[in-house]
PDB file of N, CA and C in Angstrom:
ATOM      1  N   UNK A   1     156.057  88.554 129.267  1.00  0.00           N
ATOM      2  CA  UNK A   1     155.478  88.663 130.970  1.00  0.00           C
ATOM      3  C   UNK A   1     155.620  90.027 131.017  1.00  0.00           C
ATOM      4  N   UNK A   2     154.694  90.387 131.354  1.00  0.00           N
ATOM      5  CA  UNK A   2     154.679  91.706 131.855  1.00  0.00           C
ATOM      6  C   UNK A   2     155.166  91.821 133.603  1.00  0.00           C
ATOM      7  N   UNK A   3     155.493  92.933 133.831  1.00  0.00           N
ATOM      8  CA  UNK A   3     155.811  92.999 135.089  1.00  0.00           C
ATOM      9  C   UNK A   3     154.993  94.219 135.778  1.00  0.00           C
ATOM     10  N   UNK A   4     153.874  94.290 135.163  1.00  0.00           N
ATOM     11  CA  UNK A   4     153.088  95.098 135.737  1.00  0.00           C
ATOM     12  C   UNK A   4     152.200  94.689 137.114  1.00  0.00           C
ATOM     13  N   UNK A   5     152.190  95.507 138.072  1.00  0.00           N
ATOM     14  CA  UNK A   5     151.538  94.935 139.211  1.00  0.00           C
ATOM     15  C   UNK A   5     149.813  95.167 139.161  1.00  0.00           C
ATOM     16  N   UNK A   6     149.167  94.692 139.294  1.00  0.00           N
ATOM     17  CA  UNK A   6     147.695  94.744 139.621  1.00  0.00           C
ATOM     18  C   UNK A   6     147.215  95.337 140.140  1.00  0.00           C
ATOM     19  N   UNK A   7     146.596  96.631 140.143  1.00  0.00           N
ATOM     20  CA  UNK A   7     146.482  97.583 141.308  1.00  0.00           C
ATOM     21  C   UNK A   7     145.260  96.770 142.434  1.00  0.00           C
ATOM     22  N   UNK A   8     145.435  97.226 143.818  1.00  0.00           N
ATOM     23  CA  UNK A   8     145.145  96.674 144.794  1.00  0.00           C
ATOM     24  C   UNK A   8     143.462  97.339 144.631  1.00  0.00           C
ATOM     25  N   UNK A   9     142.437  96.038 144.730  1.00  0.00           N
ATOM     26  CA  UNK A   9     140.909  96.504 144.665  1.00  0.00           C
ATOM     27  C   UNK A   9     140.739  96.949 145.988  1.00  0.00           C
ATOM     28  N   UNK A  10     140.301  97.755 146.380  1.00  0.00           N
ATOM     29  CA  UNK A  10     139.646  98.567 147.831  1.00  0.00           C
ATOM     30  C   UNK A  10     138.304  98.017 147.961  1.00  0.00           C
ATOM     31  N   UNK A  11     137.845  97.442 149.268  1.00  0.00           N
ATOM     32  CA  UNK A  11     136.660  97.118 149.201  1.00  0.00           C
ATOM     33  C   UNK A  11     135.761  98.528 149.353  1.00  0.00           C
ATOM     34  N   UNK A  12     134.696  98.783 148.598  1.00  0.00           N
ATOM     35  CA  UNK A  12     133.965  99.992 148.731  1.00  0.00           C
ATOM     36  C   UNK A  12     133.255 100.216 149.703  1.00  0.00           C
ATOM     37  N   UNK A  13     132.847 101.057 150.509  1.00  0.00           N
ATOM     38  CA  UNK A  13     131.996 101.440 151.768  1.00  0.00           C
ATOM     39  C   UNK A  13     130.992 100.500 151.156  1.00  0.00           C
ATOM     40  N   UNK A  14     130.152 100.551 150.250  1.00  0.00           N
ATOM     41  CA  UNK A  14     128.805 100.264 150.166  1.00  0.00           C
ATOM     42  C   UNK A  14     128.894  98.604 150.293  1.00  0.00           C
ATOM     43  N   UNK A  15     129.701  98.202 150.246  1.00  0.00           N
ATOM     44  CA  UNK A  15     129.955  96.451 150.581  1.00  0.00           C
ATOM     45  C   UNK A  15     129.571  96.511 152.286  1.00  0.00           C
ATOM     46  N   UNK A  16     130.632  97.054 153.109  1.00  0.00           N
ATOM     47  CA  UNK A  16     130.408  97.023 154.510  1.00  0.00           C
ATOM     48  C   UNK A  16     129.192  97.563 155.025  1.00  0.00           C
ATOM     49  N   UNK A  17     128.353  98.650 154.738  1.00  0.00           N
ATOM     50  CA  UNK A  17     127.252  99.270 154.673  1.00  0.00           C
ATOM     51  C   UNK A  17     126.046  97.639 154.419  1.00  0.00           C
ATOM     52  N   UNK A  18     126.038  96.895 153.424  1.00  0.00           N
ATOM     53  CA  UNK A  18     125.520  95.764 153.145  1.00  0.00           C
ATOM     54  C   UNK A  18     125.407  94.864 154.235  1.00  0.00           C
ATOM     55  N   UNK A  19     126.932  94.407 154.751  1.00  0.00           N
ATOM     56  CA  UNK A  19     127.127  93.740 156.289  1.00  0.00           C
ATOM     57  C   UNK A  19     126.465  94.091 157.378  1.00  0.00           C
ATOM     58  N   UNK A  20     126.460  95.427 157.768  1.00  0.00           N
ATOM     59  CA  UNK A  20     126.070  96.040 158.920  1.00  0.00           C
ATOM     60  C   UNK A  20     125.134  95.422 159.573  1.00  0.00           C
ATOM     61  N   UNK A  21     124.387  95.196 159.228  1.00  0.00           N
ATOM     62  CA  UNK A  21     123.118  94.363 159.889  1.00  0.00           C
ATOM     63  C   UNK A  21     123.222  93.059 160.744  1.00  0.00           C
ATOM     64  N   UNK A  22     124.162  92.430 159.768  1.00  0.00           N
ATOM     65  CA  UNK A  22     124.560  90.927 160.354  1.00  0.00           C
ATOM     66  C   UNK A  22     125.797  90.935 161.324  1.00  0.00           C
ATOM     67  N   UNK A  23     126.381  92.227 161.293  1.00  0.00           N
ATOM     68  CA  UNK A  23     127.799  92.126 162.469  1.00  0.00           C
ATOM     69  C   UNK A  23     127.371  92.020 163.536  1.00  0.00           C
ATOM     70  N   UNK A  24     126.542  92.150 164.369  1.00  0.00           N
ATOM     71  CA  UNK A  24     126.059  91.534 165.834  1.00  0.00           C
ATOM     72  C   UNK A  24     126.149  90.536 165.830  1.00  0.00           C
ATOM     73  N   UNK A  25     125.557  89.853 164.744  1.00  0.00           N
ATOM     74  CA  UNK A  25     125.202  88.176 164.881  1.00  0.00           C
ATOM     75  C   UNK A  25     126.338  87.587 164.738  1.00  0.00           C
ATOM     76  N   UNK A  26     127.240  87.753 163.911  1.00  0.00           N
ATOM     77  CA  UNK A  26     128.689  87.474 163.546  1.00  0.00           C
ATOM     78  C   UNK A  26     129.526  87.601 164.732  1.00  0.00           C
ATOM     79  N   UNK A  27     129.217  88.720 165.590  1.00  0.00           N
ATOM     80  CA  UNK A  27     130.381  88.902 166.697  1.00  0.00           C
ATOM     81  C   UNK A  27     129.970  88.347 167.669  1.00  0.00           C
ATOM     82  N   UNK A  28     128.590  87.709 168.082  1.00  0.00           N
ATOM     83  CA  UNK A  28     128.015  86.915 169.136  1.00  0.00           C
ATOM     84  C   UNK A  28     128.448  85.519 168.564  1.00  0.00           C
ATOM     85  N   UNK A  29     128.690  84.952 167.313  1.00  0.00           N
ATOM     86  CA  UNK A  29     128.974  83.638 166.962  1.00  0.00           C
ATOM     87  C   UNK A  29     130.372  83.630 167.461  1.00  0.00           C
ATOM     88  N   UNK A  30     131.359  84.438 167.084  1.00  0.00           N
ATOM     89  CA  UNK A  30     132.412  84.148 167.027  1.00  0.00           C
ATOM     90  C   UNK A  30     132.968  84.362 168.860  1.00  0.00           C
ATOM     91  N   UNK A  31     132.033  85.009 169.655  1.00  0.00           N
ATOM     92  CA  UNK A  31     132.538  84.883 171.224  1.00  0.00           C
ATOM     93  C   UNK A  31     131.881  83.866 171.658  1.00  0.00           C
ATOM     94  N   UNK A  32     130.847  83.547 170.782  1.00  0.00           N
ATOM     95  CA  UNK A  32     130.217  81.701 171.521  1.00  0.00           C
ATOM     96  C   UNK A  32     131.351  80.757 171.287  1.00  0.00           C
ATOM     97  N   UNK A  33     132.345  80.754 170.195  1.00  0.00           N
ATOM     98  CA  UNK A  33     133.078  79.985 169.771  1.00  0.00           C
ATOM     99  C   UNK A  33     134.427  79.957 170.777  1.00  0.00           C
ATOM    100  N   UNK A  34     134.747  81.341 171.033  1.00  0.00           N
ATOM    101  CA  UNK A  34     135.618  81.443 172.197  1.00  0.00           C
ATOM    102  C   UNK A  34     135.325  81.009 173.507  1.00  0.00           C
ATOM    103  N   UNK A  35     134.307  81.106 173.860  1.00  0.00           N
ATOM    104  CA  UNK A  35     133.699  81.090 175.300  1.00  0.00           C
ATOM    105  C   UNK A  35     133.376  79.362 175.400  1.00  0.00           C
ATOM    106  N   UNK A  36     133.066  78.611 173.827  1.00  0.00           N
ATOM    107  CA  UNK A  36     133.373  77.288 174.160  1.00  0.00           C
ATOM    108  C   UNK A  36     134.592  76.792 174.395  1.00  0.00           C
ATOM    109  N   UNK A  37     135.721  77.227 173.902  1.00  0.00           N
ATOM    110  CA  UNK A  37     137.289  76.691 174.079  1.00  0.00           C
ATOM    111  C   UNK A  37     137.160  76.918 175.607  1.00  0.00           C
ATOM    112  N   UNK A  38     137.022  78.342 176.367  1.00  0.00           N
ATOM    113  CA  UNK A  38     137.248  78.288 177.470  1.00  0.00           C
ATOM    114  C   UNK A  38     136.601  77.172 178.560  1.00  0.00           C
ATOM    115  N   UNK A  39     135.367  77.016 178.161  1.00  0.00           N
ATOM    116  CA  UNK A  39     134.766  75.991 178.909  1.00  0.00           C
ATOM    117  C   UNK A  39     135.277  74.659 178.829  1.00  0.00           C
ATOM    118  N   UNK A  40     135.858  74.318 177.630  1.00  0.00           N
ATOM    119  CA  UNK A  40     136.464  73.138 177.491  1.00  0.00           C
ATOM    120  C   UNK A  40     137.563  72.935 178.052  1.00  0.00           C
ATOM    121  N   UNK A  41     138.408  74.083 178.249  1.00  0.00           N
ATOM    122  CA  UNK A  41     139.440  74.066 178.835  1.00  0.00           C
ATOM    123  C   UNK A  41     139.008  74.345 180.580  1.00  0.00           C
ATOM    124  N   UNK A  42     138.290  75.053 181.232  1.00  0.00           N
ATOM    125  CA  UNK A  42     138.348  75.128 182.468  1.00  0.00           C
ATOM    126  C   UNK A  42     137.503  73.752 182.908  1.00  0.00           C
ATOM    127  N   UNK A  43     136.565  72.846 182.143  1.00  0.00           N
ATOM    128  CA  UNK A  43     135.784  72.022 182.810  1.00  0.00           C
ATOM    129  C   UNK A  43     136.046  70.667 182.034  1.00  0.00           C
ATOM    130  N   UNK A  44     137.060  70.348 181.288  1.00  0.00           N
ATOM    131  CA  UNK A  44     137.572  69.191 180.624  1.00  0.00           C
ATOM    132  C   UNK A  44     136.353  68.599 179.897  1.00  0.00           C
ATOM    133  N   UNK A  45     135.617  69.048 179.112  1.00  0.00           N
ATOM    134  CA  UNK A  45     134.246  68.803 178.353  1.00  0.00           C
ATOM    135  C   UNK A  45     135.051  67.625 177.370  1.00  0.00           C
ATOM    136  N   UNK A  46     134.432  66.795 177.088  1.00  0.00           N
ATOM    137  CA  UNK A  46     134.575  66.029 175.775  1.00  0.00           C
ATOM    138  C   UNK A  46     135.242  66.630 174.753  1.00  0.00           C
ATOM    139  N   UNK A  47     135.937  66.224 173.673  1.00  0.00           N
ATOM    140  CA  UNK A  47     136.378  67.006 172.559  1.00  0.00           C
ATOM    141  C   UNK A  47     135.322  66.800 171.700  1.00  0.00           C
ATOM    142  N   UNK A  48     134.269  65.785 171.412  1.00  0.00           N
ATOM    143  CA  UNK A  48     133.082  65.901 170.663  1.00  0.00           C
ATOM    144  C   UNK A  48     132.186  67.077 170.726  1.00  0.00           C
ATOM    145  N   UNK A  49     132.111  67.697 171.996  1.00  0.00           N
ATOM    146  CA  UNK A  49     131.394  68.500 172.262  1.00  0.00           C
ATOM    147  C   UNK A  49     132.170  69.775 171.724  1.00  0.00           C
ATOM    148  N   UNK A  50     133.145  70.293 172.004  1.00  0.00           N
ATOM    149  CA  UNK A  50     134.049  71.001 171.573  1.00  0.00           C
ATOM    150  C   UNK A  50     133.857  71.316 169.940  1.00  0.00           C
ATOM    151  N   UNK A  51     133.914  70.121 169.558  1.00  0.00           N
ATOM    152  CA  UNK A  51     134.108  70.042 167.762  1.00  0.00           C
ATOM    153  C   UNK A  51     132.885  70.158 167.408  1.00  0.00           C
ATOM    154  N   UNK A  52     131.926  69.770 167.977  1.00  0.00           N
ATOM    155  CA  UNK A  52     130.435  70.477 167.379  1.00  0.00           C
ATOM    156  C   UNK A  52     130.325  71.782 167.557  1.00  0.00           C
ATOM    157  N   UNK A  53     130.412  72.397 169.017  1.00  0.00           N
ATOM    158  CA  UNK A  53     130.315  73.825 168.742  1.00  0.00           C
ATOM    159  C   UNK A  53     131.206  74.692 168.103  1.00  0.00           C
ATOM    160  N   UNK A  54     132.472  74.455 168.024  1.00  0.00           N
ATOM    161  CA  UNK A  54     133.056  75.342 166.859  1.00  0.00           C
ATOM    162  C   UNK A  54     132.760  74.821 165.632  1.00  0.00           C
ATOM    163  N   UNK A  55     132.763  73.864 165.307  1.00  0.00           N
ATOM    164  CA  UNK A  55     132.077  73.440 163.689  1.00  0.00           C
ATOM    165  C   UNK A  55     130.765  74.736 163.487  1.00  0.00           C
ATOM    166  N   UNK A  56     129.909  74.377 164.491  1.00  0.00           N
ATOM    167  CA  UNK A  56     128.773  74.958 164.118  1.00  0.00           C
ATOM    168  C   UNK A  56     129.107  76.822 163.968  1.00  0.00           C
ATOM    169  N   UNK A  57     129.828  76.931 164.915  1.00  0.00           N
ATOM    170  CA  UNK A  57     130.196  78.815 165.072  1.00  0.00           C
ATOM    171  C   UNK A  57     130.827  79.138 163.667  1.00  0.00           C
ATOM    172  N   UNK A  58     132.054  78.391 163.558  1.00  0.00           N
ATOM    173  CA  UNK A  58     132.741  78.736 162.453  1.00  0.00           C
ATOM    174  C   UNK A  58     131.902  78.481 161.143  1.00  0.00           C
ATOM    175  N   UNK A  59     130.882  77.845 160.684  1.00  0.00           N
ATOM    176  CA  UNK A  59     129.991  77.499 159.591  1.00  0.00           C
ATOM    177  C   UNK A  59     129.223  78.762 159.812  1.00  0.00           C
ATOM    178  N   UNK A  60     128.710  79.240 160.866  1.00  0.00           N
ATOM    179  CA  UNK A  60     128.117  80.703 160.562  1.00  0.00           C
ATOM    180  C   UNK A  60     128.992  81.844 160.466  1.00  0.00           C
ATOM    181  N   UNK A  61     129.874  82.129 161.192  1.00  0.00           N
ATOM    182  CA  UNK A  61     130.625  82.855 160.763  1.00  0.00           C
ATOM    183  C   UNK A  61     131.712  83.204 159.657  1.00  0.00           C
ATOM    184  N   UNK A  62     132.024  82.023 158.895  1.00  0.00           N
ATOM    185  CA  UNK A  62     132.446  81.892 157.563  1.00  0.00           C
ATOM    186  C   UNK A  62     131.471  81.959 156.480  1.00  0.00           C
ATOM    187  N   UNK A  63     130.316  81.316 156.901  1.00  0.00           N
ATOM    188  CA  UNK A  63     128.901  80.949 155.625  1.00  0.00           C
ATOM    189  C   UNK A  63     128.242  82.050 155.482  1.00  0.00           C
ATOM    190  N   UNK A  64     128.035  82.932 156.485  1.00  0.00           N
ATOM    191  CA  UNK A  64     127.268  84.134 156.187  1.00  0.00           C
ATOM    192  C   UNK A  64     127.954  84.999 155.223  1.00  0.00           C
ATOM    193  N   UNK A  65     128.892  85.467 156.092  1.00  0.00           N
ATOM    194  CA  UNK A  65     129.506  86.582 154.987  1.00  0.00           C
ATOM    195  C   UNK A  65     130.106  86.057 153.545  1.00  0.00           C
ATOM    196  N   UNK A  66     130.058  84.558 153.620  1.00  0.00           N
ATOM    197  CA  UNK A  66     130.169  84.292 152.204  1.00  0.00           C
ATOM    198  C   UNK A  66     128.640  84.386 151.059  1.00  0.00           C
ATOM    199  N   UNK A  67     127.873  84.196 151.972  1.00  0.00           N
ATOM    200  CA  UNK A  67     126.203  84.063 151.746  1.00  0.00           C
ATOM    201  C   UNK A  67     125.751  85.279 151.004  1.00  0.00           C
ATOM    202  N   UNK A  68     126.575  86.533 152.298  1.00  0.00           N
ATOM    203  CA  UNK A  68     126.052  87.874 151.421  1.00  0.00           C
ATOM    204  C   UNK A  68     126.944  88.226 150.889  1.00  0.00           C
ATOM    205  N   UNK A  69     128.297  87.848 150.498  1.00  0.00           N
ATOM    206  CA  UNK A  69     128.763  88.604 149.574  1.00  0.00           C
ATOM    207  C   UNK A  69     128.066  88.175 148.008  1.00  0.00           C
ATOM    208  N   UNK A  70     127.851  86.740 148.041  1.00  0.00           N
ATOM    209  CA  UNK A  70     126.773  86.060 147.176  1.00  0.00           C
ATOM    210  C   UNK A  70     125.715  87.422 146.689  1.00  0.00           C
ATOM    211  N   UNK A  71     124.669  87.121 147.434  1.00  0.00           N
ATOM    212  CA  UNK A  71     123.596  88.330 147.574  1.00  0.00           C
ATOM    213  C   UNK A  71     123.847  89.818 146.841  1.00  0.00           C
ATOM    214  N   UNK A  72     125.035  90.270 147.636  1.00  0.00           N
ATOM    215  CA  UNK A  72     125.593  91.785 147.225  1.00  0.00           C
ATOM    216  C   UNK A  72     125.848  91.504 145.418  1.00  0.00           C
ATOM    217  N   UNK A  73     126.434  90.636 145.032  1.00  0.00           N
ATOM    218  CA  UNK A  73     127.178  90.609 143.796  1.00  0.00           C
ATOM    219  C   UNK A  73     126.156  90.293 142.870  1.00  0.00           C
ATOM    220  N   UNK A  74     124.773  89.641 143.498  1.00  0.00           N
ATOM    221  CA  UNK A  74     123.447  89.891 142.633  1.00  0.00           C
ATOM    222  C   UNK A  74     123.168  90.884 142.566  1.00  0.00           C
ATOM    223  N   UNK A  75     122.881  91.799 143.626  1.00  0.00           N
ATOM    224  CA  UNK A  75     122.618  93.238 143.392  1.00  0.00           C
ATOM    225  C   UNK A  75     123.032  93.981 142.836  1.00  0.00           C
ATOM    226  N   UNK A  76     124.618  94.064 142.964  1.00  0.00           N
ATOM    227  CA  UNK A  76     125.631  94.794 141.497  1.00  0.00           C
ATOM    228  C   UNK A  76     124.848  94.556 140.400  1.00  0.00           C
ATOM    229  N   UNK A  77     124.820  93.094 140.150  1.00  0.00           N
ATOM    230  CA  UNK A  77     124.936  92.405 138.943  1.00  0.00           C
ATOM    231  C   UNK A  77     123.349  92.976 138.216  1.00  0.00           C
ATOM    232  N   UNK A  78     122.373  93.010 139.003  1.00  0.00           N
ATOM    233  CA  UNK A  78     121.049  93.296 138.838  1.00  0.00           C
ATOM    234  C   UNK A  78     120.794  94.633 138.354  1.00  0.00           C
ATOM    235  N   UNK A  79     121.750  95.546 139.348  1.00  0.00           N
ATOM    236  CA  UNK A  79     121.777  97.025 138.626  1.00  0.00           C
ATOM    237  C   UNK A  79     123.059  97.306 137.679  1.00  0.00           C
ATOM    238  N   UNK A  80     123.648  96.251 136.996  1.00  0.00           N
ATOM    239  CA  UNK A  80     124.617  96.612 135.842  1.00  0.00           C
ATOM    240  C   UNK A  80     125.719  97.286 136.234  1.00  0.00           C
ATOM    241  N   UNK A  81     125.902  96.898 137.644  1.00  0.00           N
ATOM    242  CA  UNK A  81     127.303  97.554 138.242  1.00  0.00           C
ATOM    243  C   UNK A  81     127.085  98.896 138.623  1.00  0.00           C
ATOM    244  N   UNK A  82     125.976  99.808 138.465  1.00  0.00           N
ATOM    245  CA  UNK A  82     125.977 100.999 138.647  1.00  0.00           C
ATOM    246  C   UNK A  82     125.496 101.302 140.182  1.00  0.00           C
ATOM    247  N   UNK A  83     125.876 101.296 141.061  1.00  0.00           N
ATOM    248  CA  UNK A  83     125.831 101.424 142.402  1.00  0.00           C
ATOM    249  C   UNK A  83     126.910 102.005 143.131  1.00  0.00           C
ATOM    250  N   UNK A  84     126.522 103.183 143.777  1.00  0.00           N
ATOM    251  CA  UNK A  84     127.301 103.719 144.425  1.00  0.00           C
ATOM    252  C   UNK A  84     128.138 103.346 145.368  1.00  0.00           C
ATOM    253  N   UNK A  85     129.434 103.986 145.506  1.00  0.00           N
ATOM    254  CA  UNK A  85     130.599 103.275 145.786  1.00  0.00           C
ATOM    255  C   UNK A  85     130.707 103.356 147.491  1.00  0.00           C
ATOM    256  N   UNK A  86     129.684 104.504 148.039  1.00  0.00           N
ATOM    257  CA  UNK A  86     129.826 104.804 149.359  1.00  0.00           C
ATOM    258  C   UNK A  86     128.664 104.439 149.925  1.00  0.00           C
ATOM    259  N   UNK A  87     127.566 104.532 149.359  1.00  0.00           N
ATOM    260  CA  UNK A  87     126.254 104.042 150.157  1.00  0.00           C
ATOM    261  C   UNK A  87     125.680 102.655 149.516  1.00  0.00           C
ATOM    262  N   UNK A  88     125.751 102.351 148.314  1.00  0.00           N
ATOM    263  CA  UNK A  88     125.232 101.475 147.746  1.00  0.00           C
ATOM    264  C   UNK A  88     124.026 101.575 147.000  1.00  0.00           C
ATOM    265  N   UNK A  89     123.358 102.846 146.898  1.00  0.00           N
ATOM    266  CA  UNK A  89     122.173 103.554 146.330  1.00  0.00           C
ATOM    267  C   UNK A  89     122.530 103.132 144.660  1.00  0.00           C
ATOM    268  N   UNK A  90     121.479 102.648 144.209  1.00  0.00           N
ATOM    269  CA  UNK A  90     121.193 102.229 142.698  1.00  0.00           C
ATOM    270  C   UNK A  90     121.549 103.624 141.668  1.00  0.00           C
ATOM    271  N   UNK A  91     122.579 103.630 140.891  1.00  0.00           N
ATOM    272  CA  UNK A  91     122.558 104.979 140.130  1.00  0.00           C
ATOM    273  C   UNK A  91     121.948 104.562 138.781  1.00  0.00           C
ATOM    274  N   UNK A  92     121.117 103.719 138.571  1.00  0.00           N
ATOM    275  CA  UNK A  92     120.563 103.830 137.211  1.00  0.00           C
ATOM    276  C   UNK A  92     119.559 104.746 136.887  1.00  0.00           C
ATOM    277  N   UNK A  93     119.833 105.531 135.891  1.00  0.00           N
ATOM    278  CA  UNK A  93     118.801 106.210 135.165  1.00  0.00           C
ATOM    279  C   UNK A  93     118.669 107.754 135.709  1.00  0.00           C
ATOM    280  N   UNK A  94     120.103 107.814 136.475  1.00  0.00           N
ATOM    281  CA  UNK A  94     120.419 109.684 136.965  1.00  0.00           C
ATOM    282  C   UNK A  94     120.904 110.163 135.656  1.00  0.00           C
ATOM    283  N   UNK A  95     120.741 111.202 135.741  1.00  0.00           N
ATOM    284  CA  UNK A  95     121.118 112.164 134.953  1.00  0.00           C
ATOM    285  C   UNK A  95     122.353 112.845 135.456  1.00  0.00           C
ATOM    286  N   UNK A  96     122.499 113.262 136.701  1.00  0.00           N
ATOM    287  CA  UNK A  96     123.505 113.991 137.434  1.00  0.00           C
ATOM    288  C   UNK A  96     124.948 112.753 137.678  1.00  0.00           C
ATOM    289  N   UNK A  97     125.911 113.726 137.991  1.00  0.00           N
ATOM    290  CA  UNK A  97     126.897 112.789 138.331  1.00  0.00           C
ATOM    291  C   UNK A  97     127.354 112.685 140.279  1.00  0.00           C
ATOM    292  N   UNK A  98     126.158 112.713 140.639  1.00  0.00           N
ATOM    293  CA  UNK A  98     126.101 113.013 142.355  1.00  0.00           C
ATOM    294  C   UNK A  98     125.104 112.089 142.675  1.00  0.00           C
ATOM    295  N   UNK A  99     125.233 111.188 143.725  1.00  0.00           N
ATOM    296  CA  UNK A  99     124.823 110.263 144.382  1.00  0.00           C
ATOM    297  C   UNK A  99     123.671 111.061 145.010  1.00  0.00           C
ATOM    298  N   UNK A 100     122.051 110.819 144.880  1.00  0.00           N
ATOM    299  CA  UNK A 100     121.042 111.364 145.691  1.00  0.00           C
ATOM    300  C   UNK A 100     121.163 111.038 147.050  1.00  0.00           C
ATOM    301  N   UNK A 101     121.691 109.909 147.515  1.00  0.00           N
ATOM    302  CA  UNK A 101     121.489 109.249 149.047  1.00  0.00           C
ATOM    303  C   UNK A 101     122.411 110.017 149.745  1.00  0.00           C
ATOM    304  N   UNK A 102     123.818 109.685 149.220  1.00  0.00           N
ATOM    305  CA  UNK A 102     124.870 110.337 149.952  1.00  0.00           C
ATOM    306  C   UNK A 102     125.480 111.630 149.466  1.00  0.00           C
ATOM    307  N   UNK A 103     125.404 111.806 148.335  1.00  0.00           N
ATOM    308  CA  UNK A 103     125.933 113.290 147.893  1.00  0.00           C
ATOM    309  C   UNK A 103     127.162 113.184 147.020  1.00  0.00           C
ATOM    310  N   UNK A 104     127.897 111.801 146.891  1.00  0.00           N
ATOM    311  CA  UNK A 104     129.088 111.871 146.757  1.00  0.00           C
ATOM    312  C   UNK A 104     128.772 111.902 145.116  1.00  0.00           C
ATOM    313  N   UNK A 105     130.194 112.730 144.373  1.00  0.00           N
ATOM    314  CA  UNK A 105     130.230 112.475 142.777  1.00  0.00           C
ATOM    315  C   UNK A 105     130.896 111.724 142.567  1.00  0.00           C
ATOM    316  N   UNK A 106     130.458 111.240 141.345  1.00  0.00           N
ATOM    317  CA  UNK A 106     131.094 109.826 140.586  1.00  0.00           C
ATOM    318  C   UNK A 106     131.058 110.357 139.056  1.00  0.00           C
ATOM    319  N   UNK A 107     131.793 109.044 138.446  1.00  0.00           N
ATOM    320  CA  UNK A 107     132.137 108.790 137.394  1.00  0.00           C
ATOM    321  C   UNK A 107     131.564 107.521 136.906  1.00  0.00           C
ATOM    322  N   UNK A 108     130.344 107.457 135.993  1.00  0.00           N
ATOM    323  CA  UNK A 108     129.975 105.906 135.707  1.00  0.00           C
ATOM    324  C   UNK A 108     130.597 105.292 135.591  1.00  0.00           C
ATOM    325  N   UNK A 109     131.887 104.961 134.674  1.00  0.00           N
ATOM    326  CA  UNK A 109     132.760 104.109 134.190  1.00  0.00           C
ATOM    327  C   UNK A 109     133.393 103.887 135.332  1.00  0.00           C
ATOM    328  N   UNK A 110     133.557 105.005 135.874  1.00  0.00           N
ATOM    329  CA  UNK A 110     134.870 104.527 136.754  1.00  0.00           C
ATOM    330  C   UNK A 110     134.012 103.439 138.097  1.00  0.00           C
ATOM    331  N   UNK A 111     132.856 103.773 138.240  1.00  0.00           N
ATOM    332  CA  UNK A 111     132.105 103.108 139.211  1.00  0.00           C
ATOM    333  C   UNK A 111     131.928 101.830 138.727  1.00  0.00           C
ATOM    334  N   UNK A 112     131.437 101.584 137.382  1.00  0.00           N
ATOM    335  CA  UNK A 112     131.482 100.038 137.273  1.00  0.00           C
ATOM    336  C   UNK A 112     132.756  99.504 136.687  1.00  0.00           C
ATOM    337  N   UNK A 113     133.897 100.059 136.654  1.00  0.00           N
ATOM    338  CA  UNK A 113     134.993  99.355 136.710  1.00  0.00           C
ATOM    339  C   UNK A 113     135.658  98.804 138.047  1.00  0.00           C
ATOM    340  N   UNK A 114     135.398  99.658 138.889  1.00  0.00           N
ATOM    341  CA  UNK A 114     135.858  99.504 140.387  1.00  0.00           C
ATOM    342  C   UNK A 114     134.758  98.377 140.844  1.00  0.00           C
ATOM    343  N   UNK A 115     133.541  98.590 140.633  1.00  0.00           N
ATOM    344  CA  UNK A 115     133.012  97.089 141.184  1.00  0.00           C
ATOM    345  C   UNK A 115     133.063  95.532 140.240  1.00  0.00           C
ATOM    346  N   UNK A 116     133.570  96.141 138.931  1.00  0.00           N
ATOM    347  CA  UNK A 116     133.714  94.770 137.643  1.00  0.00           C
ATOM    348  C   UNK A 116     135.137  94.376 138.352  1.00  0.00           C
ATOM    349  N   UNK A 117     136.019  95.010 139.078  1.00  0.00           N
ATOM    350  CA  UNK A 117     137.059  94.641 139.417  1.00  0.00           C
ATOM    351  C   UNK A 117     137.042  93.578 140.564  1.00  0.00           C
ATOM    352  N   UNK A 118     136.346  94.285 141.392  1.00  0.00           N
ATOM    353  CA  UNK A 118     135.774  93.802 142.818  1.00  0.00           C
ATOM    354  C   UNK A 118     135.021  92.531 142.508  1.00  0.00           C
ATOM    355  N   UNK A 119     134.517  92.153 141.661  1.00  0.00           N
ATOM    356  CA  UNK A 119     133.545  90.915 141.396  1.00  0.00           C
ATOM    357  C   UNK A 119     134.735  89.928 140.853  1.00  0.00           C
ATOM    358  N   UNK A 120     135.349  90.132 140.079  1.00  0.00           N
ATOM    359  CA  UNK A 120     136.509  89.495 139.357  1.00  0.00           C
ATOM    360  C   UNK A 120     137.525  89.016 140.254  1.00  0.00           C
ATOM    361  N   UNK A 121     137.994  90.037 141.474  1.00  0.00           N
ATOM    362  CA  UNK A 121     139.205  89.515 142.549  1.00  0.00           C
ATOM    363  C   UNK A 121     138.005  88.313 143.511  1.00  0.00           C
ATOM    364  N   UNK A 122     136.878  88.434 143.885  1.00  0.00           N
ATOM    365  CA  UNK A 122     136.072  88.395 144.650  1.00  0.00           C
ATOM    366  C   UNK A 122     135.870  86.825 144.344  1.00  0.00           C
ATOM    367  N   UNK A 123     135.861  86.470 143.089  1.00  0.00           N
ATOM    368  CA  UNK A 123     135.171  85.233 142.381  1.00  0.00           C
ATOM    369  C   UNK A 123     133.561  85.240 142.326  1.00  0.00           C
ATOM    370  N   UNK A 124     133.177  86.365 142.289  1.00  0.00           N
ATOM    371  CA  UNK A 124     131.614  86.272 142.588  1.00  0.00           C
ATOM    372  C   UNK A 124     130.900  86.145 141.655  1.00  0.00           C
TER     373      UNK A 124
END
């Protein structure tokens, strides 16, 4: 048995940029869940209403990121894991080792290795 520790897989910036359009929606949904609890405490609404509101909210808060992760994984696989770690731009067919979108230098083997480890770790 090996005592080697598996290196930590950092979340590449490209993934966060993929989630950016959804972030306000997720933030509002989380706020609605918190407000539902406050209203329940303040007014004494029956527990089924609270359960319904929070179940809906948590489904959205946890369901949408999972769905987006799967869509991003499909995007990665469709590009043969050749996606810029910084901006998410497709690196397929490029001759240079610099992303034309954001200007970051890369080594294709390293990019594919990072995305491969990320997919394995995330179970996508």
